[in-house]
């Protein structure tokens, strides 16, 4: 007598034979092309979009339940134009039939050739890949909540033998800020994809955008682990290689471990080489819809100027960063950030810095860079920078200090021209202004700058020579020939600059030199970049040096000098009008003093002299 187990095996064998025979009969008798209308109608019912299949449509049933479609076109969502959402030259997918009977999804291979995908975000935030309209109509089944037991059990049974994508392209357009990106030559291969188990993935593509002068070739190699139950994707041994198609920088490689879930994307053990720059640290993006960014990065050497087009004019940081942020203030309002960046050597806007250390915090529309510190030009920089995006236009506040820097090389690198002043400078600046544009910042900037320079020189002006020329004019003699360098050495210079609405005013300039004393007052326009300033120079000693012996005859004489013209080419000249007026006042004072001594009683002479001198001023 046969055992029950043997009967069971015979029965299963008969069923398998029947299924195989049925599948063979269906394969011979069934033509999927005869059912295009029903297939496209079902697709419309579930997605709310039309599907058009212009090429052949083939089905297989055993042992693989498979489909192959050619020349398929998927329409875009309403309101996004007539161009299709996607085109596929060829799509092939197969799943084993018997595992389906056990509630398992065992997919052999998914192959996609010639995919062209168009992704668009409208100005009002709508996206053309959303299926919200179809979902709310009740046509598609509602998604199971996270952690649902039935859904998780089925998902865990998913297995894909491989994915092969060839010759794909993806375009991205964001009409909110007119961003356009294009991925072309996209290839992707992955094999043995099973939940919870790592599998290899390789991909390459070319990236271009409306703002890029050349495309970027990118290749990705990693091992990927997907946990559907926890909704987590992990990329270990991630390697990204990139380089511009024209061979110009940037180019390099990034290595990291990446973990992404519904709430965050985290890059651990980040190690990148970009051109001549090495970057190490950690970056995390949490709450991706806000976004919230955390970072801790070390950079050995960074040359920002190397990435600017030739001849590009960029406002110096932090003003340049503020005006750039003003182009998209909504991003700054929603940004949350907390991080620290250290740079060993930095070149930015022509300036050379080292030991750069900054802490960034952003929350609720307020961005703060504090503390900031760096070494530069033999001295130190420290500061605090704030940007308030809660108001329109953006408000920029600066509290910065330069301590004991070599001023001439600093100004030369900053402006690209030889500096007009040298020495060791200490500068304290407390400023604020509107940062919606560089011009707006110049017009609105307000605050105060305190300046002190020691052991310095004024380039392009020899005040001692100008004093000799002034003396010759007063005496009516020929002006002496220029001698010595065309500059004026000094031991100490101090000034307070008061800035309001783009206009700079100074009334307390004081310069000391072994032979000279200078005071100054005047104004400058940051808007027009012009200066109108007056110096008053006087000789105080007859030491040897910069014309010391020749200045002996000028002791007590004050020489007015006017500085005017554009910042780039200021003009230095004797203020003849003031010089003549001063000379006439001095002569008048001398004659009055003589008359007072001759005719006024001695007891009231001093009082009368003071009153008449005040009248002559």
Protein backbone atom coordinates (compact mmCIF):
# COMPACT_ATOMS: atom_id res chain seq x y z
CA UNK A 1 0.00 0.00 0.00
CA UNK A 2 1.29 3.33 -0.92
CA UNK A 3 1.99 5.72 1.99
CA UNK A 4 0.18 9.10 2.26
CA UNK A 5 3.47 10.89 1.57
CA UNK A 6 3.88 9.04 -1.70
CA UNK A 7 0.33 9.96 -2.72
CA UNK A 8 1.10 13.58 -1.89
CA UNK A 9 4.24 13.60 -4.01
CA UNK A 10 2.42 12.05 -6.95
CA UNK A 11 -0.36 14.63 -6.62
CA UNK A 12 2.15 17.54 -6.55
CA UNK A 13 3.87 16.13 -9.64
CA UNK A 14 0.58 15.94 -11.49
CA UNK A 15 -0.25 19.56 -10.51
CA UNK A 16 3.13 20.81 -11.69
CA UNK A 17 2.65 18.99 -15.01
CA UNK A 18 -0.81 20.50 -15.38
CA UNK A 19 0.50 24.02 -14.59
CA UNK A 20 3.31 23.56 -17.10
CA UNK A 21 0.90 22.31 -19.74
CA UNK A 22 -1.48 25.22 -19.02
CA UNK A 23 1.36 27.72 -19.22
CA UNK A 24 2.51 26.25 -22.50
CA UNK A 25 -1.02 26.38 -23.92
CA UNK A 26 -1.44 30.03 -22.77
CA UNK A 27 1.91 30.94 -24.26
CA UNK A 28 0.83 29.45 -27.59
CA UNK A 29 -2.72 30.73 -27.63
CA UNK A 30 -2.49 34.05 -25.72
CA UNK A 31 -1.23 37.22 -27.44
CA UNK A 32 -0.77 40.15 -25.04
CA UNK A 33 -0.86 42.57 -27.96
CA UNK A 34 -4.57 41.83 -28.31
CA UNK A 35 -5.14 43.28 -24.84
CA UNK A 36 -3.34 46.63 -25.09
CA UNK A 37 -6.48 48.63 -24.51
CA UNK A 38 -7.33 46.72 -21.34
CA UNK A 39 -3.75 47.03 -20.04
CA UNK A 40 -3.64 50.79 -20.67
CA UNK A 41 -7.13 51.24 -19.17
CA UNK A 42 -6.06 49.45 -15.99
CA UNK A 43 -2.92 51.58 -15.86
CA UNK A 44 -5.03 54.73 -16.16
CA UNK A 45 -7.39 53.50 -13.44
CA UNK A 46 -4.56 52.93 -10.98
CA UNK A 47 -2.31 55.92 -11.78
CA UNK A 48 -4.53 58.54 -13.43
CA UNK A 49 -2.14 58.68 -16.41
CA UNK A 50 -2.25 57.31 -19.92
CA UNK A 51 0.17 54.62 -21.08
CA UNK A 52 0.91 54.09 -24.75
CA UNK A 53 2.79 51.01 -26.00
CA UNK A 54 3.82 51.44 -29.63
CA UNK A 55 6.12 48.43 -29.86
CA UNK A 56 5.62 44.73 -29.26
CA UNK A 57 4.30 43.39 -25.96
CA UNK A 58 5.32 39.85 -24.99
CA UNK A 59 4.40 37.70 -21.96
CA UNK A 60 5.89 34.48 -20.60
CA UNK A 61 4.30 32.24 -17.98
CA UNK A 62 6.49 29.33 -16.89
CA UNK A 63 8.81 28.94 -15.14
CA UNK A 64 9.06 32.72 -15.31
CA UNK A 65 6.10 35.06 -15.30
CA UNK A 66 7.59 37.76 -17.47
CA UNK A 67 6.80 40.79 -19.55
CA UNK A 68 8.71 42.56 -22.28
CA UNK A 69 7.49 45.86 -23.69
CA UNK A 70 9.03 48.08 -26.34
CA UNK A 71 8.53 51.76 -27.15
CA UNK A 72 6.34 52.64 -24.16
CA UNK A 73 5.31 56.23 -23.46
CA UNK A 74 3.90 57.44 -20.13
CA UNK A 75 2.01 60.74 -20.17
CA UNK A 76 2.86 63.56 -17.79
CA UNK A 77 0.61 64.72 -14.97
CA UNK A 78 -2.05 67.35 -15.79
CA UNK A 79 -0.65 70.88 -15.80
CA UNK A 80 2.93 69.88 -16.75
CA UNK A 81 2.73 70.15 -20.52
CA UNK A 82 2.31 67.75 -23.42
CA UNK A 83 5.79 66.21 -23.32
CA UNK A 84 5.73 62.68 -21.84
CA UNK A 85 6.75 61.94 -18.28
CA UNK A 86 8.77 58.90 -19.40
CA UNK A 87 9.80 57.00 -22.51
CA UNK A 88 11.20 53.47 -22.46
CA UNK A 89 12.74 51.83 -25.51
CA UNK A 90 12.67 48.39 -23.90
CA UNK A 91 11.53 47.00 -20.54
CA UNK A 92 11.92 43.39 -19.45
CA UNK A 93 11.01 41.89 -16.08
CA UNK A 94 10.53 38.29 -14.96
CA UNK A 95 9.40 36.64 -11.71
CA UNK A 96 9.36 32.93 -10.82
CA UNK A 97 5.85 31.54 -10.88
CA UNK A 98 5.96 28.95 -8.07
CA UNK A 99 7.37 31.35 -5.39
CA UNK A 100 4.40 33.62 -6.18
CA UNK A 101 2.09 30.80 -5.04
CA UNK A 102 3.93 30.84 -1.69
CA UNK A 103 3.57 34.63 -1.33
CA UNK A 104 7.20 35.30 -2.32
CA UNK A 105 8.41 37.65 -5.05
CA UNK A 106 11.51 36.21 -6.71
CA UNK A 107 12.43 38.46 -9.64
CA UNK A 108 15.06 37.18 -12.04
CA UNK A 109 16.18 40.38 -13.66
CA UNK A 110 14.87 43.81 -14.55
CA UNK A 111 16.33 45.32 -17.71
CA UNK A 112 15.58 48.84 -18.92
CA UNK A 113 17.03 50.28 -22.12
CA UNK A 114 16.65 53.82 -23.41
CA UNK A 115 14.78 55.36 -20.46
CA UNK A 116 14.07 59.10 -20.77
CA UNK A 117 12.53 60.50 -17.58
CA UNK A 118 11.32 64.09 -17.04
CA UNK A 119 11.01 65.35 -13.44
CA UNK A 120 9.48 68.79 -12.79
CA UNK A 121 8.67 70.81 -9.69
CA UNK A 122 6.23 73.63 -10.41
CA UNK A 123 6.48 77.14 -9.00
CA UNK A 124 3.72 76.30 -6.51
CA UNK A 125 5.60 73.21 -5.25
CA UNK A 126 3.58 70.55 -7.15
CA UNK A 127 5.59 67.69 -8.67
CA UNK A 128 4.85 65.71 -11.81
CA UNK A 129 5.75 62.37 -10.20
CA UNK A 130 3.14 62.62 -7.47
CA UNK A 131 0.19 60.21 -7.70
CA UNK A 132 -1.84 61.98 -5.04
CA UNK A 133 -4.77 62.55 -7.41
CA UNK A 134 -5.09 58.87 -8.20
CA UNK A 135 -4.61 57.84 -4.59
CA UNK A 136 -7.26 60.17 -3.23
CA UNK A 137 -9.72 58.88 -5.83
CA UNK A 138 -9.56 55.49 -4.16
CA UNK A 139 -8.37 53.72 -7.29
CA UNK A 140 -5.15 52.46 -5.76
CA UNK A 141 -4.88 50.60 -2.49
CA UNK A 142 -3.75 52.64 0.47
CA UNK A 143 -0.20 52.14 1.64
CA UNK A 144 0.19 50.07 4.77
CA UNK A 145 1.46 51.94 7.80
CA UNK A 146 5.12 51.65 8.68
CA UNK A 147 5.79 48.45 10.55
CA UNK A 148 2.55 46.70 9.43
CA UNK A 149 3.11 42.98 9.95
CA UNK A 150 1.50 41.70 6.76
CA UNK A 151 3.24 44.21 4.55
CA UNK A 152 6.61 43.62 6.20
CA UNK A 153 6.35 39.87 5.86
CA UNK A 154 5.66 40.13 2.14
CA UNK A 155 8.38 42.70 1.62
CA UNK A 156 10.94 40.52 3.33
CA UNK A 157 10.26 37.83 0.75
CA UNK A 158 11.37 40.13 -2.09
CA UNK A 159 14.43 39.05 -4.07
CA UNK A 160 15.76 40.47 -7.33
CA UNK A 161 18.40 38.67 -9.33
CA UNK A 162 19.63 41.89 -10.87
CA UNK A 163 18.89 45.31 -12.30
CA UNK A 164 20.43 46.50 -15.56
CA UNK A 165 19.76 50.04 -16.82
CA UNK A 166 21.44 51.17 -20.04
CA UNK A 167 21.40 54.42 -22.00
CA UNK A 168 19.05 56.28 -19.65
CA UNK A 169 18.59 60.02 -19.21
CA UNK A 170 16.87 62.03 -16.47
CA UNK A 171 16.03 65.73 -16.59
CA UNK A 172 15.18 67.79 -13.51
CA UNK A 173 13.54 71.23 -13.64
CA UNK A 174 12.63 73.26 -10.56
CA UNK A 175 10.57 76.27 -11.58
CA UNK A 176 10.77 77.75 -8.09
CA UNK A 177 14.36 78.85 -8.62
CA UNK A 178 14.81 78.01 -12.35
CA UNK A 179 17.16 75.12 -11.61
CA UNK A 180 17.81 72.70 -14.46
CA UNK A 181 19.83 69.47 -14.26
CA UNK A 182 20.35 66.79 -16.87
CA UNK A 183 21.66 63.22 -16.34
CA UNK A 184 22.69 61.48 -19.55
CA UNK A 185 24.50 58.24 -20.43
CA UNK A 186 23.10 56.75 -17.23
CA UNK A 187 24.07 53.14 -16.57
CA UNK A 188 23.32 51.11 -13.45
CA UNK A 189 24.01 47.50 -12.59
CA UNK A 190 23.16 45.63 -9.39
CA UNK A 191 22.87 41.92 -8.62
CA UNK A 192 21.53 39.56 -5.96
CA UNK A 193 19.30 42.13 -4.30
CA UNK A 194 17.80 40.70 -1.12
CA UNK A 195 16.45 42.58 1.92
CA UNK A 196 18.98 42.79 4.72
CA UNK A 197 21.87 41.45 2.64
CA UNK A 198 24.52 43.65 1.02
CA UNK A 199 24.83 43.56 -2.77
CA UNK A 200 27.18 45.29 -5.25
CA UNK A 201 26.08 48.34 -7.21
CA UNK A 202 27.84 50.24 -9.99
CA UNK A 203 26.59 53.28 -11.82
CA UNK A 204 27.90 56.00 -14.10
CA UNK A 205 26.37 59.07 -15.73
CA UNK A 206 27.10 62.52 -17.10
CA UNK A 207 25.71 65.51 -15.20
CA UNK A 208 25.00 68.89 -16.76
CA UNK A 209 23.04 72.00 -15.83
CA UNK A 210 22.10 75.41 -17.15
CA UNK A 211 24.77 76.97 -14.94
CA UNK A 212 27.63 74.63 -15.87
CA UNK A 213 30.01 75.49 -18.69
CA UNK A 214 30.91 71.80 -19.03
CA UNK A 215 29.38 68.49 -18.03
CA UNK A 216 30.56 66.31 -15.15
CA UNK A 217 31.30 62.60 -15.53
CA UNK A 218 30.44 60.65 -12.36
CA UNK A 219 31.00 56.97 -11.47
CA UNK A 220 29.69 55.29 -8.32
CA UNK A 221 30.78 51.96 -6.80
CA UNK A 222 29.41 50.62 -3.53
CA UNK A 223 27.91 47.76 -1.59
CA UNK A 224 24.28 48.41 -0.69
CA UNK A 225 22.09 46.96 2.03
CA UNK A 226 18.34 47.59 2.07
CA UNK A 227 16.18 46.93 5.11
CA UNK A 228 12.57 47.32 4.04
CA UNK A 229 11.30 46.57 7.54
CA UNK A 230 13.31 49.46 9.04
CA UNK A 231 13.15 51.58 5.88
CA UNK A 232 16.93 51.95 5.86
CA UNK A 233 19.45 52.04 3.01
CA UNK A 234 23.15 51.64 3.80
CA UNK A 235 26.04 52.13 1.38
CA UNK A 236 29.31 50.73 2.67
CA UNK A 237 32.59 51.18 0.83
CA UNK A 238 30.99 54.00 -1.15
CA UNK A 239 33.30 55.45 -3.78
CA UNK A 240 32.35 58.33 -6.06
CA UNK A 241 34.72 59.45 -8.82
CA UNK A 242 34.05 62.63 -10.76
CA UNK A 243 35.65 64.96 -13.26
CA UNK A 244 34.68 67.58 -15.80
CA UNK A 245 34.41 66.45 -19.38
CA UNK A 246 36.82 69.20 -20.50
CA UNK A 247 39.48 68.10 -18.00
CA UNK A 248 39.30 71.33 -15.97
CA UNK A 249 38.75 71.22 -12.21
CA UNK A 250 36.99 70.05 -10.14
CA UNK A 251 37.92 66.39 -10.28
CA UNK A 252 38.50 63.84 -7.57
CA UNK A 253 37.11 61.02 -5.50
CA UNK A 254 34.90 60.73 -2.42
CA UNK A 255 34.86 57.74 -0.08
CA UNK A 256 32.41 57.33 2.77
CA UNK A 257 29.86 55.15 4.52
CA UNK A 258 26.30 56.37 3.94
CA UNK A 259 23.16 55.55 5.88
CA UNK A 260 19.75 56.87 4.83
CA UNK A 261 16.33 56.41 6.38
CA UNK A 262 13.07 58.33 6.33
CA UNK A 263 14.47 60.98 8.69
CA UNK A 264 18.15 61.43 7.86
CA UNK A 265 21.08 60.95 5.52
CA UNK A 266 24.43 60.49 7.27
CA UNK A 267 27.93 60.39 5.75
CA UNK A 268 30.37 58.76 8.16
CA UNK A 269 34.12 58.34 7.72
CA UNK A 270 34.04 60.87 4.91
CA UNK A 271 37.31 61.08 3.02
CA UNK A 272 37.50 63.14 -0.14
CA UNK A 273 40.21 64.40 -2.46
CA UNK A 274 39.05 67.23 -4.72
CA UNK A 275 41.84 68.57 -6.93
CA UNK A 276 44.50 69.63 -4.40
CA UNK A 277 42.14 69.57 -1.41
CA UNK A 278 41.74 66.81 1.16
CA UNK A 279 38.50 66.73 3.19
CA UNK A 280 37.73 64.50 6.17
CA UNK A 281 34.91 64.37 8.69
CA UNK A 282 31.19 63.75 9.00
CA UNK A 283 28.04 65.26 7.44
CA UNK A 284 24.43 64.54 8.40
CA UNK A 285 21.20 65.85 6.92
CA UNK A 286 18.19 65.35 9.16
CA UNK A 287 14.63 66.37 8.46
CA UNK A 288 15.38 66.51 4.70
CA UNK A 289 12.31 68.64 3.97
CA UNK A 290 13.66 71.54 6.08
CA UNK A 291 16.67 70.69 5.78
CA UNK A 292 18.72 70.39 9.00
CA UNK A 293 22.47 69.96 8.51
CA UNK A 294 25.16 68.87 10.94
CA UNK A 295 28.83 68.73 10.00
CA UNK A 296 32.33 68.48 11.41
CA UNK A 297 34.93 68.84 8.67
CA UNK A 298 38.69 69.26 8.37
CA UNK A 299 40.17 70.63 5.13
CA UNK A 300 43.90 70.81 4.59
CA UNK A 301 44.08 73.31 1.73
CA UNK A 302 41.33 75.17 -0.15
CA UNK A 303 41.72 77.62 -3.03
CA UNK A 304 38.26 79.07 -3.69
CA UNK A 305 39.56 81.53 -6.28
CA UNK A 306 40.68 78.65 -8.50
CA UNK A 307 37.03 77.77 -9.14
CA UNK A 308 35.98 81.25 -10.29
CA UNK A 309 35.87 82.11 -14.01
CA UNK A 310 38.67 84.34 -15.23
CA UNK A 311 37.90 87.97 -14.47
CA UNK A 312 34.92 87.17 -12.26
CA UNK A 313 34.03 89.89 -9.76
CA UNK A 314 32.83 88.46 -6.46
CA UNK A 315 32.03 90.38 -3.30
CA UNK A 316 34.36 89.44 -0.43
CA UNK A 317 33.04 87.12 2.28
CA UNK A 318 30.97 87.43 4.33
CA UNK A 319 29.22 90.11 2.25
CA UNK A 320 29.40 87.87 -0.81
CA UNK A 321 27.84 84.97 1.09
CA UNK A 322 25.04 87.20 2.36
CA UNK A 323 24.17 88.61 -1.06
CA UNK A 324 24.26 85.09 -2.53
CA UNK A 325 21.85 83.91 0.17
CA UNK A 326 19.56 86.84 -0.68
CA UNK A 327 18.88 85.30 -4.09
CA UNK A 328 17.02 82.46 -2.35
CA UNK A 329 15.97 83.78 1.08
CA UNK A 330 13.32 81.10 1.59
CA UNK A 331 16.05 78.44 1.74
CA UNK A 332 17.79 80.39 4.49
CA UNK A 333 14.56 80.81 6.46
CA UNK A 334 13.99 77.05 6.57
CA UNK A 335 17.64 76.09 7.03
CA UNK A 336 18.72 74.54 10.31
CA UNK A 337 22.47 73.96 10.64
CA UNK A 338 25.02 73.25 13.32
CA UNK A 339 28.60 72.55 12.40
CA UNK A 340 32.28 73.32 12.58
CA UNK A 341 34.79 73.74 9.76
CA UNK A 342 38.57 73.89 10.06
CA UNK A 343 40.80 74.81 7.10
CA UNK A 344 44.58 74.59 7.27
CA UNK A 345 45.21 77.01 4.40
CA UNK A 346 42.59 79.07 2.57
CA UNK A 347 42.72 81.40 -0.41
CA UNK A 348 39.57 83.46 -0.96
CA UNK A 349 39.10 86.71 -2.89
CA UNK A 350 42.87 86.92 -3.26
CA UNK A 351 43.50 86.71 0.47
CA UNK A 352 45.77 84.10 2.04
CA UNK A 353 44.61 82.69 5.40
CA UNK A 354 45.65 79.80 7.62
CA UNK A 355 44.33 78.04 10.72
CA UNK A 356 40.76 78.99 9.77
CA UNK A 357 38.20 77.86 12.34
CA UNK A 358 34.50 78.64 12.15
CA UNK A 359 31.31 77.50 13.84
CA UNK A 360 28.01 77.83 11.95
CA UNK A 361 24.57 77.86 13.53
CA UNK A 362 21.30 78.50 11.69
CA UNK A 363 17.78 78.32 13.09
CA UNK A 364 14.46 80.03 12.43
CA UNK A 365 15.81 82.36 9.75
CA UNK A 366 18.87 83.48 11.69
CA UNK A 367 22.37 82.45 10.63
CA UNK A 368 25.37 83.02 12.85
CA UNK A 369 29.07 82.45 12.19
CA UNK A 370 30.70 82.63 15.59
CA UNK A 371 33.33 82.28 16.66
CA UNK A 372 35.43 82.95 13.57
CA UNK A 373 39.22 82.97 13.71
CA UNK A 374 42.19 82.78 11.35
CA UNK A 375 45.83 83.69 10.96
CA UNK A 376 46.70 86.06 8.12
CA UNK A 377 49.54 88.34 7.04
CA UNK A 378 51.48 88.01 10.28
CA UNK A 379 48.45 88.74 12.47
CA UNK A 380 45.11 87.33 13.60
CA UNK A 381 41.48 87.69 12.63
CA UNK A 382 38.54 87.11 14.95
CA UNK A 383 34.91 87.92 14.41
CA UNK A 384 31.21 87.26 14.51
CA UNK A 385 28.89 87.42 11.49
CA UNK A 386 25.11 87.32 11.55
CA UNK A 387 22.45 87.16 8.80
CA UNK A 388 18.80 87.75 9.67
CA UNK A 389 16.51 86.31 6.99
CA UNK A 390 13.31 86.99 8.93
CA UNK A 391 13.20 90.48 7.48
CA UNK A 392 13.26 91.67 3.89
CA UNK A 393 15.81 92.53 2.72
CA UNK A 394 18.25 90.32 4.61
CA UNK A 395 20.15 92.07 7.39
CA UNK A 396 23.90 91.51 7.72
CA UNK A 397 25.77 92.31 10.96
CA UNK A 398 29.56 92.22 11.36
CA UNK A 399 31.73 92.42 14.46
CA UNK A 400 35.28 91.78 13.27
CA UNK A 401 38.82 92.48 14.40
CA UNK A 402 42.15 92.35 12.56
CA UNK A 403 45.10 92.32 14.95
CA UNK A 404 48.63 93.38 13.96
CA UNK A 405 48.45 92.42 10.28
CA UNK A 406 50.91 93.53 7.59
CA UNK A 407 48.67 96.01 5.79
CA UNK A 408 50.44 96.42 2.42
CA UNK A 409 50.39 92.76 1.30
CA UNK A 410 46.87 92.38 2.72
CA UNK A 411 45.54 95.29 0.64
CA UNK A 412 47.54 94.23 -2.43
CA UNK A 413 46.08 90.71 -2.41
CA UNK A 414 42.59 91.99 -1.60
CA UNK A 415 42.42 94.65 -4.34
CA UNK A 416 44.88 93.28 -6.89
CA UNK A 417 46.80 96.60 -6.97
CA UNK A 418 49.73 97.99 -5.01
CA UNK A 419 48.67 99.39 -1.64
CA UNK A 420 48.84 103.13 -0.93
CA UNK A 421 49.58 102.53 2.74
CA UNK A 422 51.87 100.16 4.64
CA UNK A 423 52.45 99.22 8.26
CA UNK A 424 51.16 96.91 10.98
CA UNK A 425 47.44 97.52 11.39
CA UNK A 426 44.81 96.77 14.00
CA UNK A 427 41.22 97.27 12.82
CA UNK A 428 37.97 96.90 14.76
CA UNK A 429 34.75 97.02 12.69
CA UNK A 430 31.13 96.92 13.87
CA UNK A 431 28.85 97.25 10.85
CA UNK A 432 25.39 96.33 9.64
CA UNK A 433 23.46 96.72 6.40
CA UNK A 434 20.95 95.29 3.95
CA UNK A 435 22.38 92.36 2.01
CA UNK A 436 19.94 91.82 -0.83
CA UNK A 437 22.69 92.93 -3.25
CA UNK A 438 26.23 94.33 -3.18
CA UNK A 439 24.94 97.76 -4.23
CA UNK A 440 22.25 97.70 -1.54
CA UNK A 441 24.84 96.77 1.07
CA UNK A 442 27.04 99.72 0.07
CA UNK A 443 24.10 102.12 0.27
CA UNK A 444 22.79 100.90 3.61
CA UNK A 445 25.92 100.00 5.54
CA UNK A 446 26.16 101.74 8.91
CA UNK A 447 28.57 101.51 11.82
CA UNK A 448 32.06 102.38 12.96
CA UNK A 449 35.60 101.29 12.14
CA UNK A 450 38.51 102.03 14.49
CA UNK A 451 41.92 102.00 12.81
CA UNK A 452 45.48 102.11 14.15
CA UNK A 453 48.65 101.62 12.10
CA UNK A 454 52.19 101.60 13.45
CA UNK A 455 55.59 101.71 11.70
CA UNK A 456 53.98 102.57 8.39
CA UNK A 457 54.25 104.66 5.26
CA UNK A 458 51.93 106.59 2.94
CA UNK A 459 52.79 105.58 -0.62
CA UNK A 460 52.62 108.03 -3.52
CA UNK A 461 52.88 111.17 -1.40
CA UNK A 462 55.97 112.88 0.05
CA UNK A 463 54.53 115.32 2.56
CA UNK A 464 57.93 116.80 3.43
CA UNK A 465 58.45 117.68 -0.25
CA UNK A 466 54.96 119.19 -0.44
CA UNK A 467 55.73 121.32 2.63
CA UNK A 468 58.91 122.61 0.98
CA UNK A 469 56.93 123.48 -2.15
CA UNK A 470 54.33 125.26 -0.05
CA UNK A 471 57.00 127.27 1.74
CA UNK A 472 58.52 128.29 -1.60
CA UNK A 473 55.17 129.49 -2.88
CA UNK A 474 54.58 131.57 0.20
CA UNK A 475 58.04 133.17 -0.11
CA UNK A 476 57.65 133.57 -3.87
CA UNK A 477 60.74 131.48 -4.68
CA UNK A 478 61.25 128.59 -7.06
CA UNK A 479 59.97 125.23 -5.85
CA UNK A 480 62.76 122.82 -4.88
CA UNK A 481 63.41 119.74 -6.99
CA UNK A 482 61.89 116.49 -5.64
CA UNK A 483 64.28 114.44 -3.55
CA UNK A 484 64.01 111.06 -1.87
CA UNK A 485 61.25 108.49 -2.14
CA UNK A 486 57.71 109.46 -3.05
CA UNK A 487 56.29 108.35 0.28
CA UNK A 488 55.94 109.50 3.87
CA UNK A 489 57.09 107.36 6.76
CA UNK A 490 55.24 107.53 10.08
CA UNK A 491 55.40 105.88 13.46
CA UNK A 492 51.72 105.93 14.34
CA UNK A 493 48.38 106.64 12.63
CA UNK A 494 44.92 106.44 14.18
CA UNK A 495 41.44 107.25 12.89
CA UNK A 496 37.78 106.59 13.58
CA UNK A 497 35.56 106.02 10.55
CA UNK A 498 31.84 106.60 11.01
CA UNK A 499 29.72 105.07 8.26
CA UNK A 500 26.09 105.88 7.54
CA UNK A 501 24.11 104.96 4.43
CA UNK A 502 27.19 104.34 2.31
CA UNK A 503 28.98 107.55 3.32
CA UNK A 504 32.17 107.46 5.41
CA UNK A 505 33.16 110.36 7.64
CA UNK A 506 36.39 110.89 9.57
CA UNK A 507 37.28 113.91 11.70
CA UNK A 508 40.04 112.67 14.00
CA UNK A 509 42.88 111.33 11.87
CA UNK A 510 46.19 111.78 13.68
CA UNK A 511 49.58 110.83 12.21
CA UNK A 512 52.89 111.11 13.99
CA UNK A 513 56.31 110.98 12.37
CA UNK A 514 59.75 111.94 13.63
CA UNK A 515 59.57 115.21 11.69
CA UNK A 516 55.88 115.73 11.02
CA UNK A 517 52.45 115.80 12.53
CA UNK A 518 49.32 115.34 10.46
CA UNK A 519 45.68 115.76 11.25
CA UNK A 520 42.87 115.08 8.82
CA UNK A 521 39.15 115.23 8.21
CA UNK A 522 36.90 114.47 5.26
CA UNK A 523 34.52 112.00 3.69
CA UNK A 524 34.30 109.19 1.16
CA UNK A 525 31.47 107.61 -0.78
CA UNK A 526 31.26 103.82 -0.86
CA UNK A 527 28.56 104.16 -3.51
CA UNK A 528 30.60 106.22 -6.00
CA UNK A 529 33.98 105.04 -4.65
CA UNK A 530 35.31 108.59 -4.40
CA UNK A 531 37.12 110.51 -1.66
CA UNK A 532 37.26 114.16 -0.60
CA UNK A 533 39.72 114.58 2.26
CA UNK A 534 41.96 117.27 3.72
CA UNK A 535 45.21 116.83 5.63
CA UNK A 536 47.00 119.49 7.65
CA UNK A 537 50.73 118.86 8.00
CA UNK A 538 53.19 120.67 10.25
CA UNK A 539 56.93 120.25 10.93
CA UNK A 540 57.79 119.59 14.55
CA UNK A 541 61.52 118.77 14.55
CA UNK A 542 64.79 119.21 12.67
CA UNK A 543 66.17 115.70 13.01
CA UNK A 544 68.20 114.29 10.16
CA UNK A 545 66.25 112.05 7.88
CA UNK A 546 63.38 112.74 5.51
CA UNK A 547 64.39 116.33 4.74
CA UNK A 548 64.92 117.17 8.41
CA UNK A 549 67.43 120.00 7.97
CA UNK A 550 65.39 121.60 5.20
CA UNK A 551 62.22 121.49 7.31
CA UNK A 552 63.80 123.59 10.05
CA UNK A 553 62.53 126.76 8.40
CA UNK A 554 59.00 125.33 8.29
CA UNK A 555 58.61 124.80 12.02
CA UNK A 556 55.26 126.16 13.10
CA UNK A 557 53.91 126.30 9.55
CA UNK A 558 50.80 124.24 8.77
CA UNK A 559 50.46 123.00 5.18
CA UNK A 560 46.98 121.93 3.89
CA UNK A 561 46.86 118.95 1.49
CA UNK A 562 43.78 117.78 -0.37
CA UNK A 563 43.10 114.16 -1.36
CA UNK A 564 40.36 113.70 -3.98
CA UNK A 565 39.20 111.47 -6.80
CA UNK A 566 38.39 107.77 -7.15
CA UNK A 567 39.58 105.16 -4.68
CA UNK A 568 41.70 103.47 -7.35
CA UNK A 569 43.61 106.65 -8.35
CA UNK A 570 43.38 109.32 -5.62
CA UNK A 571 45.02 112.70 -6.30
CA UNK A 572 47.26 114.41 -3.71
CA UNK A 573 47.71 118.18 -4.09
CA UNK A 574 48.45 121.26 -2.08
CA UNK A 575 45.25 123.04 -1.07
CA UNK A 576 46.32 126.42 -2.45
CA UNK A 577 43.12 128.18 -1.43
CA UNK A 578 43.49 127.09 2.17
CA UNK A 579 47.22 127.71 2.07
CA UNK A 580 46.74 131.33 0.94
CA UNK A 581 43.96 131.89 3.43
CA UNK A 582 46.09 130.48 6.25
CA UNK A 583 49.03 132.60 5.16
CA UNK A 584 46.90 135.77 5.09
CA UNK A 585 45.48 134.93 8.51
CA UNK A 586 48.96 134.41 9.93
CA UNK A 587 50.20 137.72 8.51
CA UNK A 588 47.12 139.52 9.76
CA UNK A 589 47.61 137.98 13.16
CA UNK A 590 51.25 139.11 13.23
CA UNK A 591 50.30 142.70 12.31
CA UNK A 592 47.50 142.73 14.89
CA UNK A 593 49.89 141.41 17.54
CA UNK A 594 52.34 144.22 16.76
CA UNK A 595 49.58 146.85 17.09
CA UNK A 596 48.39 145.32 20.37
CA UNK A 597 51.89 145.47 21.86
CA UNK A 598 52.22 149.09 20.73
CA UNK A 599 48.83 150.50 21.76
CA UNK A 600 47.01 148.20 24.22
CA UNK A 601 47.76 148.09 27.95
CA UNK A 602 49.67 144.97 28.95
CA UNK A 603 46.95 143.67 31.28
CA UNK A 604 44.38 143.14 28.53
CA UNK A 605 46.67 142.15 25.66
CA UNK A 606 46.21 138.35 26.04
CA UNK A 607 42.43 138.59 26.23
CA UNK A 608 42.30 140.77 23.12
CA UNK A 609 44.68 138.48 21.22
CA UNK A 610 42.50 135.41 21.90
CA UNK A 611 39.36 137.17 20.80
CA UNK A 612 40.89 138.47 17.55
CA UNK A 613 42.42 135.06 16.71
CA UNK A 614 39.01 133.40 17.11
CA UNK A 615 37.58 136.04 14.79
CA UNK A 616 40.22 135.29 12.12
CA UNK A 617 39.59 131.52 12.07
